[in-house]
Amino acid sequence: MKILIVIDDYFNQSNGMCISTQRFAQEFKKLGHQVRIISCAIDGTPDYPLPELIVPFFKKIIAKEGYHLALPKKKILNEAISWADIVAIETPFPVSWKAAKIAKERQKPVYGTFHIFPGNITESLHINNHLFNSFFMLFFRNISFKNCVALQCPTLKVKHQLEKYHFKQKLFVISNGINEQFIDNPHKKIVGHPFTILCIGRYSREKHQEVLLKALNKLPNCKNIRVILAGKGPLEKILRKQAAKLPIKVIMKFYTPIQLRHLIAHSDLVVHCADVEVEGMACMEAFAGGCVPIIADSPLSSTVSYALSKMNKFPAGNSTILAKRINYWLLHPIELKACRIKYRKFAKNLTVKKSAQKTISMMEDISK
């Protein structure tokens, strides 16, 4: 098939949605399909380059999140869609919904991937409440994904949310998947030396790294612990101030994928504090690579579905229980090692390769 992928910021290396799209594109090619990309020409040259869309009121907010919107150009969209057999839209933003509209007019099948909960947007705008989140879900339903035949839902929880808001498309549950490089990555044989806690994600409001920092203050003994917040983002200064008050040093920096794999290989726990998460690719990569997860449990976090026991989760925002979970794993190295093995086996069923194969089957289904 000739697959056209429509996404605003394809070459972005700090955004999970963009990284996931890059990986799927690579897997589609490995499976023998032709793939072309229409996107902003930022940090790379897509097959169909678009200029950046500047939204005056939201310009600073979008820039702080390290993301770029694409300006839909009808001539370029028409050219790209003329080439394609099927169109995949990856965002709920203007370039995607305009591409979907043109594709439907040309009788080309279109599917979308639901990468973003409204909370991912409203949290940064300080309006994360039921009213605004419902507004955005209805906007996604009636505008963004209106012309899609099907939607790829990374988790069952996402599918249930779309059913709750009466999305009419065929809904396919297909994980974003884990890069096999993390699954095959060797991990240290022993627990500790030093005992390392990893927290991966953008320094933004919905990731709630501050919950981990508060939990560290409640640990009975944290002198021999190394803590790493891997990422970058608008809340860096605030998080650094909070981290500076702790009795241990907290390392804060951005890591490339290769550096991150090395870091995961030498870490013991991964703590995932986000209360809004479509799937949580960074956490999945970490547990695939040998880190035992402790995941925030909230109504809009799908990541918690990967908690294999109660010791692998905590109530979102509750730093006291998070501290107890961390302390449990600190005091039970044999159990931690056994859990590590269990997660590495579990991750083998969640590869990007398997997800890409399922997505191709979905495309074939909606192209009939």
Protein backbone atom coordinates (compact mmCIF):
# COMPACT_ATOMS: atom_id res chain seq x y z
CA MET A 1 0.00 0.00 0.00
CA LYS A 2 0.92 3.64 -0.41
CA ILE A 3 0.51 5.06 3.09
CA LEU A 4 0.44 8.82 3.67
CA ILE A 5 1.12 9.85 7.27
CA VAL A 6 -0.13 13.31 8.25
CA ILE A 7 1.46 14.81 11.36
CA ASP A 8 2.44 18.33 12.43
CA ASP A 9 5.96 17.80 13.75
CA TYR A 10 7.27 14.46 12.43
CA PHE A 11 10.96 14.93 13.27
CA ASN A 12 10.41 15.98 16.90
CA GLN A 13 12.67 13.89 19.18
CA SER A 14 11.19 14.88 22.55
CA ASN A 15 7.51 14.12 21.91
CA GLY A 16 6.24 10.56 22.41
CA MET A 17 3.56 10.86 19.73
CA CYS A 18 6.11 11.92 17.12
CA ILE A 19 8.62 9.24 18.12
CA SER A 20 5.90 6.59 17.95
CA THR A 21 4.89 7.78 14.47
CA GLN A 22 8.50 7.61 13.29
CA ARG A 23 8.75 4.01 14.50
CA PHE A 24 5.49 2.94 12.86
CA ALA A 25 6.63 4.51 9.56
CA GLN A 26 9.84 2.48 9.72
CA GLU A 27 7.96 -0.74 10.46
CA PHE A 28 5.48 -0.15 7.62
CA LYS A 29 8.44 0.16 5.24
CA LYS A 30 9.99 -3.05 6.60
CA LEU A 31 6.68 -4.80 5.87
CA GLY A 32 7.02 -3.77 2.21
CA HIS A 33 4.73 -0.75 2.05
CA GLN A 34 5.49 2.68 0.64
CA VAL A 35 5.32 5.50 3.19
CA ARG A 36 5.36 9.24 2.70
CA ILE A 37 5.15 11.99 5.31
CA ILE A 38 3.45 15.37 5.20
CA SER A 39 4.64 17.59 8.04
CA CYS A 40 6.44 20.77 9.08
CA ALA A 41 9.93 20.97 7.63
CA ILE A 42 11.56 21.43 11.05
CA ASP A 43 14.66 19.38 11.98
CA GLY A 44 14.23 17.36 8.80
CA THR A 45 12.71 17.29 5.32
CA PRO A 46 9.45 15.36 4.91
CA ASP A 47 8.19 14.16 1.52
CA TYR A 48 5.64 16.96 1.52
CA PRO A 49 6.96 19.91 3.58
CA LEU A 50 4.58 22.42 5.14
CA PRO A 51 5.28 25.77 6.82
CA GLU A 52 4.71 26.22 10.53
CA LEU A 53 1.31 27.38 11.75
CA ILE A 54 1.64 30.27 14.21
CA VAL A 55 -1.30 30.69 16.58
CA PRO A 56 -0.80 34.14 18.21
CA PHE A 57 -2.46 33.58 21.62
CA PHE A 58 -1.01 30.05 22.06
CA LYS A 59 2.38 30.69 20.44
CA LYS A 60 4.38 30.82 23.69
CA ILE A 61 2.55 27.87 25.24
CA ILE A 62 3.14 25.66 22.18
CA ALA A 63 6.80 26.73 22.03
CA LYS A 64 7.29 25.88 25.73
CA GLU A 65 5.94 22.40 25.05
CA GLY A 66 8.58 21.99 22.33
CA TYR A 67 5.99 21.33 19.61
CA HIS A 68 5.26 22.85 16.19
CA LEU A 69 1.92 22.97 14.37
CA ALA A 70 1.81 22.60 10.58
CA LEU A 71 0.00 25.09 8.35
CA PRO A 72 -2.25 23.12 5.99
CA LYS A 73 -1.65 24.10 2.36
CA LYS A 74 -4.41 22.78 0.11
CA LYS A 75 -2.19 22.37 -2.96
CA ILE A 76 0.37 20.28 -1.05
CA LEU A 77 -2.34 18.25 0.69
CA ASN A 78 -3.97 17.50 -2.67
CA GLU A 79 -0.67 16.40 -4.17
CA ALA A 80 0.10 14.09 -1.25
CA ILE A 81 -3.37 12.56 -1.09
CA SER A 82 -3.40 11.98 -4.86
CA TRP A 83 -0.39 9.69 -4.39
CA ALA A 84 -1.81 7.72 -1.42
CA ASP A 85 -3.92 4.58 -1.19
CA ILE A 86 -4.71 5.30 2.47
CA VAL A 87 -4.26 8.31 4.76
CA ALA A 88 -3.24 8.14 8.43
CA ILE A 89 -3.78 11.22 10.58
CA GLU A 90 -1.82 11.40 13.82
CA THR A 91 -3.09 14.56 15.55
CA PRO A 92 -6.40 16.35 16.20
CA PHE A 93 -5.02 19.60 14.75
CA PRO A 94 -5.87 21.54 11.52
CA VAL A 95 -3.47 19.80 9.12
CA SER A 96 -4.96 16.42 10.06
CA TRP A 97 -8.63 17.28 9.85
CA LYS A 98 -8.17 19.15 6.55
CA ALA A 99 -6.23 16.21 5.08
CA ALA A 100 -8.97 13.83 6.24
CA LYS A 101 -11.66 15.99 4.62
CA ILE A 102 -9.85 16.06 1.26
CA ALA A 103 -9.15 12.32 1.42
CA LYS A 104 -12.81 11.54 2.07
CA GLU A 105 -13.86 13.74 -0.87
CA ARG A 106 -11.46 11.74 -3.05
CA GLN A 107 -12.83 8.47 -1.64
CA LYS A 108 -9.53 7.54 -0.02
CA PRO A 109 -9.86 5.66 3.30
CA VAL A 110 -8.68 7.61 6.35
CA TYR A 111 -7.89 6.43 9.86
CA GLY A 112 -6.69 8.34 12.88
CA THR A 113 -4.59 7.45 15.91
CA PHE A 114 -5.86 8.80 19.21
CA HIS A 115 -2.60 9.99 20.78
CA ILE A 116 -3.89 12.87 22.92
CA PHE A 117 -6.40 13.09 25.75
CA PRO A 118 -7.91 16.58 26.21
CA GLY A 119 -6.11 16.75 29.57
CA ASN A 120 -2.78 16.75 27.75
CA ILE A 121 -3.84 20.11 26.32
CA THR A 122 -5.96 21.60 29.12
CA GLU A 123 -3.42 20.85 31.87
CA SER A 124 -0.88 23.16 30.23
CA LEU A 125 -3.58 25.83 29.86
CA HIS A 126 -4.58 25.51 33.56
CA ILE A 127 -8.16 24.59 32.56
CA ASN A 128 -8.07 20.84 33.21
CA ASN A 129 -11.64 20.22 34.31
CA HIS A 130 -14.65 18.21 33.13
CA LEU A 131 -16.25 21.10 31.21
CA PHE A 132 -13.23 21.94 29.05
CA ASN A 133 -12.19 18.30 28.62
CA SER A 134 -15.69 17.39 27.42
CA PHE A 135 -15.60 20.33 25.01
CA PHE A 136 -12.35 19.07 23.49
CA MET A 137 -13.61 15.48 23.25
CA LEU A 138 -16.67 16.70 21.35
CA PHE A 139 -14.40 18.85 19.17
CA PHE A 140 -12.25 15.80 18.41
CA ARG A 141 -15.38 13.80 17.58
CA ASN A 142 -17.16 16.40 15.44
CA ILE A 143 -14.17 18.12 13.78
CA SER A 144 -10.78 16.47 14.19
CA PHE A 145 -11.66 12.83 13.44
CA LYS A 146 -15.04 13.37 11.75
CA ASN A 147 -13.89 12.02 8.37
CA CYS A 148 -12.02 8.96 9.68
CA VAL A 149 -13.37 5.49 8.99
CA ALA A 150 -11.49 4.03 11.94
CA LEU A 151 -9.51 5.08 15.01
CA GLN A 152 -6.51 3.32 16.47
CA CYS A 153 -6.81 3.30 20.28
CA PRO A 154 -3.51 2.60 22.06
CA THR A 155 -5.30 1.01 25.05
CA LEU A 156 -8.69 -0.35 26.04
CA LYS A 157 -9.18 2.65 28.35
CA VAL A 158 -8.88 4.98 25.35
CA LYS A 159 -11.47 2.92 23.48
CA HIS A 160 -13.86 3.16 26.44
CA GLN A 161 -13.43 6.95 26.53
CA LEU A 162 -14.27 7.22 22.83
CA GLU A 163 -17.30 4.99 23.29
CA LYS A 164 -18.39 7.17 26.22
CA TYR A 165 -18.38 10.20 23.91
CA HIS A 166 -20.14 8.27 21.11
CA PHE A 167 -17.41 8.26 18.46
CA LYS A 168 -18.93 6.51 15.41
CA GLN A 169 -15.74 5.11 13.86
CA LYS A 170 -14.55 1.50 14.04
CA LEU A 171 -12.30 1.37 17.11
CA PHE A 172 -9.21 -0.84 17.05
CA VAL A 173 -7.14 -1.35 20.22
CA ILE A 174 -3.51 -1.36 19.08
CA SER A 175 -0.65 -0.34 21.37
CA ASN A 176 1.90 2.24 20.27
CA GLY A 177 4.33 -0.54 21.06
CA ILE A 178 7.86 -0.77 22.41
CA ASN A 179 11.01 -0.49 20.35
CA GLU A 180 12.74 -3.88 20.39
CA GLN A 181 16.04 -2.16 21.17
CA PHE A 182 14.71 -1.62 24.70
CA ILE A 183 13.48 -5.21 25.00
CA ASP A 184 16.83 -6.60 23.82
CA ASN A 185 18.83 -4.13 25.91
CA PRO A 186 20.96 -5.94 28.53
CA HIS A 187 20.30 -4.96 32.16
CA LYS A 188 22.53 -4.95 35.21
CA LYS A 189 22.49 -8.25 37.09
CA ILE A 190 22.26 -6.91 40.64
CA VAL A 191 19.88 -4.53 42.42
CA GLY A 192 21.29 -1.17 43.52
CA HIS A 193 24.94 0.02 43.53
CA PRO A 194 23.52 2.66 43.64
CA PHE A 195 19.78 2.05 43.85
CA THR A 196 18.53 4.21 40.96
CA ILE A 197 15.06 5.66 40.51
CA LEU A 198 14.23 6.95 37.06
CA CYS A 199 11.38 9.29 36.07
CA ILE A 200 11.09 9.92 32.32
CA GLY A 201 9.00 12.63 30.69
CA ARG A 202 8.66 16.25 29.77
CA TYR A 203 8.81 18.73 32.62
CA SER A 204 5.18 19.74 32.16
CA ARG A 205 2.15 19.95 34.43
CA GLU A 206 0.43 16.67 33.58
CA LYS A 207 3.60 14.62 34.23
CA HIS A 208 3.62 15.61 37.94
CA GLN A 209 7.27 14.90 38.72
CA GLU A 210 6.78 16.96 41.89
CA VAL A 211 4.89 13.99 43.39
CA LEU A 212 8.06 11.90 43.22
CA LEU A 213 10.11 14.70 44.79
CA LYS A 214 7.64 14.92 47.68
CA ALA A 215 7.74 11.14 48.11
CA LEU A 216 11.54 11.16 48.34
CA ASN A 217 11.26 13.53 51.31
CA LYS A 218 9.11 10.92 53.08
CA LEU A 219 11.46 7.96 52.68
CA PRO A 220 12.98 6.67 55.94
CA ASN A 221 16.42 6.50 54.34
CA CYS A 222 17.27 7.89 50.93
CA LYS A 223 21.00 8.54 51.31
CA ASN A 224 22.07 5.71 49.00
CA ILE A 225 19.54 6.47 46.29
CA ARG A 226 20.26 8.04 42.92
CA VAL A 227 17.31 9.87 41.33
CA ILE A 228 17.16 10.95 37.69
CA LEU A 229 14.45 13.07 36.06
CA ALA A 230 15.06 12.44 32.37
CA GLY A 231 13.52 15.11 30.18
CA LYS A 232 13.16 18.81 29.49
CA GLY A 233 10.33 21.31 29.45
CA PRO A 234 8.69 24.46 30.78
CA LEU A 235 8.70 23.49 34.48
CA GLU A 236 12.44 22.83 34.71
CA LYS A 237 13.24 25.82 36.98
CA ILE A 238 10.39 24.98 39.37
CA LEU A 239 11.39 21.31 39.60
CA ARG A 240 15.05 22.22 40.16
CA LYS A 241 14.09 24.43 43.11
CA GLN A 242 12.02 21.62 44.61
CA ALA A 243 14.79 19.06 44.02
CA ALA A 244 17.40 21.32 45.65
CA LYS A 245 15.59 21.00 49.00
CA LEU A 246 16.05 17.21 49.13
CA PRO A 247 18.87 15.54 51.10
CA ILE A 248 20.03 13.78 47.92
CA LYS A 249 21.10 15.08 44.54
CA VAL A 250 18.53 14.81 41.75
CA ILE A 251 19.98 14.64 38.24
CA MET A 252 17.89 16.53 35.69
CA LYS A 253 18.78 16.42 32.00
CA PHE A 254 17.57 15.40 28.56
CA TYR A 255 18.83 12.08 27.18
CA THR A 256 18.96 10.89 23.57
CA PRO A 257 17.34 7.48 22.85
CA ILE A 258 20.75 5.75 22.96
CA GLN A 259 21.66 7.47 26.24
CA LEU A 260 18.24 6.62 27.66
CA ARG A 261 18.66 2.92 26.88
CA HIS A 262 22.00 2.97 28.69
CA LEU A 263 20.40 4.77 31.64
CA ILE A 264 17.52 2.27 31.84
CA ALA A 265 20.04 -0.58 31.83
CA HIS A 266 21.54 0.78 35.05
CA SER A 267 18.32 1.78 36.87
CA ASP A 268 16.14 -0.17 39.31
CA LEU A 269 12.76 1.59 39.40
CA VAL A 270 10.84 3.79 36.98
CA VAL A 271 8.24 6.05 38.61
CA HIS A 272 5.44 7.31 36.37
CA CYS A 273 3.46 10.12 38.05
CA ALA A 274 1.35 11.43 35.13
CA ASP A 275 -2.39 11.58 35.78
CA VAL A 276 -3.26 12.08 32.10
CA GLU A 277 -1.63 9.57 29.75
CA VAL A 278 -2.91 7.88 26.60
CA GLU A 279 -0.40 5.05 27.01
CA GLY A 280 2.96 6.09 28.47
CA MET A 281 5.59 4.95 26.00
CA ALA A 282 8.56 6.07 28.14
CA CYS A 283 7.36 3.99 31.08
CA MET A 284 6.79 0.99 28.79
CA GLU A 285 10.30 1.28 27.37
CA ALA A 286 11.73 1.44 30.88
CA PHE A 287 9.98 -1.68 32.16
CA ALA A 288 10.86 -3.48 28.92
CA GLY A 289 14.49 -2.59 29.62
CA GLY A 290 14.45 -3.94 33.18
CA CYS A 291 13.14 -1.15 35.43
CA VAL A 292 10.31 -2.16 37.76
CA PRO A 293 7.51 0.43 37.41
CA ILE A 294 5.44 2.29 39.99
CA ILE A 295 2.59 3.90 38.06
CA ALA A 296 0.08 6.60 39.04
CA ASP A 297 -3.49 5.27 39.04
CA SER A 298 -5.96 7.84 37.74
CA PRO A 299 -9.11 7.72 35.57
CA LEU A 300 -7.29 9.19 32.56
CA SER A 301 -4.01 7.28 32.81
CA SER A 302 -3.92 4.22 30.58
CA THR A 303 -0.40 3.42 31.75
CA VAL A 304 -1.73 1.97 35.01
CA SER A 305 -3.17 -0.94 33.01
CA TYR A 306 0.44 -2.17 32.86
CA ALA A 307 0.70 -2.48 36.65
CA LEU A 308 1.10 -6.21 37.31
CA SER A 309 0.52 -5.92 41.08
CA LYS A 310 -0.60 -3.38 43.67
CA MET A 311 3.08 -2.69 44.42
CA ASN A 312 3.43 -1.42 40.83
CA LYS A 313 0.90 1.39 41.28
CA PHE A 314 -0.15 4.18 43.64
CA PRO A 315 -3.08 6.63 43.78
CA ALA A 316 -2.23 9.57 41.49
CA GLY A 317 -0.90 12.53 43.46
CA ASN A 318 -0.44 10.55 46.69
CA SER A 319 3.23 11.02 47.60
CA THR A 320 2.81 9.15 50.92
CA ILE A 321 1.79 5.87 49.30
CA LEU A 322 4.37 6.39 46.53
CA ALA A 323 7.04 6.66 49.25
CA LYS A 324 5.79 3.37 50.74
CA ARG A 325 5.97 1.65 47.34
CA ILE A 326 9.53 2.88 46.77
CA ASN A 327 10.53 1.79 50.27
CA TYR A 328 9.03 -1.66 49.67
CA TRP A 329 11.20 -2.25 46.61
CA LEU A 330 14.23 -0.84 48.43
CA LEU A 331 13.77 -3.40 51.20
CA HIS A 332 12.91 -6.34 48.94
CA PRO A 333 15.68 -6.73 46.32
CA ILE A 334 14.87 -10.40 45.62
CA GLU A 335 11.23 -9.56 44.81
CA LEU A 336 12.38 -6.60 42.70
CA LYS A 337 14.64 -8.85 40.64
CA ALA A 338 11.79 -11.35 40.11
CA CYS A 339 9.44 -8.53 39.08
CA ARG A 340 12.05 -7.23 36.66
CA ILE A 341 12.15 -10.62 34.89
CA LYS A 342 8.34 -10.76 34.79
CA TYR A 343 8.13 -7.31 33.12
CA ARG A 344 10.81 -8.11 30.55
CA LYS A 345 8.81 -11.18 29.47
CA PHE A 346 5.56 -9.18 29.49
CA ALA A 347 7.07 -6.50 27.21
CA LYS A 348 7.83 -9.01 24.45
CA ASN A 349 4.12 -9.05 23.58
CA LEU A 350 4.07 -5.26 23.10
CA THR A 351 6.62 -4.65 20.34
CA VAL A 352 6.22 -1.92 17.72
CA LYS A 353 6.63 -4.63 15.09
CA LYS A 354 3.55 -6.52 16.34
CA SER A 355 1.56 -3.29 16.62
CA ALA A 356 2.52 -2.27 13.07
CA GLN A 357 1.35 -5.64 11.76
CA LYS A 358 -2.00 -5.16 13.52
CA THR A 359 -2.27 -1.65 12.07
CA ILE A 360 -1.67 -2.97 8.54
CA SER A 361 -4.46 -5.51 9.13
CA MET A 362 -6.70 -2.62 10.22
CA MET A 363 -5.82 -0.69 7.05
CA GLU A 364 -6.67 -3.70 4.91
CA ASP A 365 -9.98 -4.06 6.75
CA ILE A 366 -11.06 -0.45 6.17
CA SER A 367 -9.83 -0.45 2.55
CA LYS A 368 -12.21 -3.23 1.45
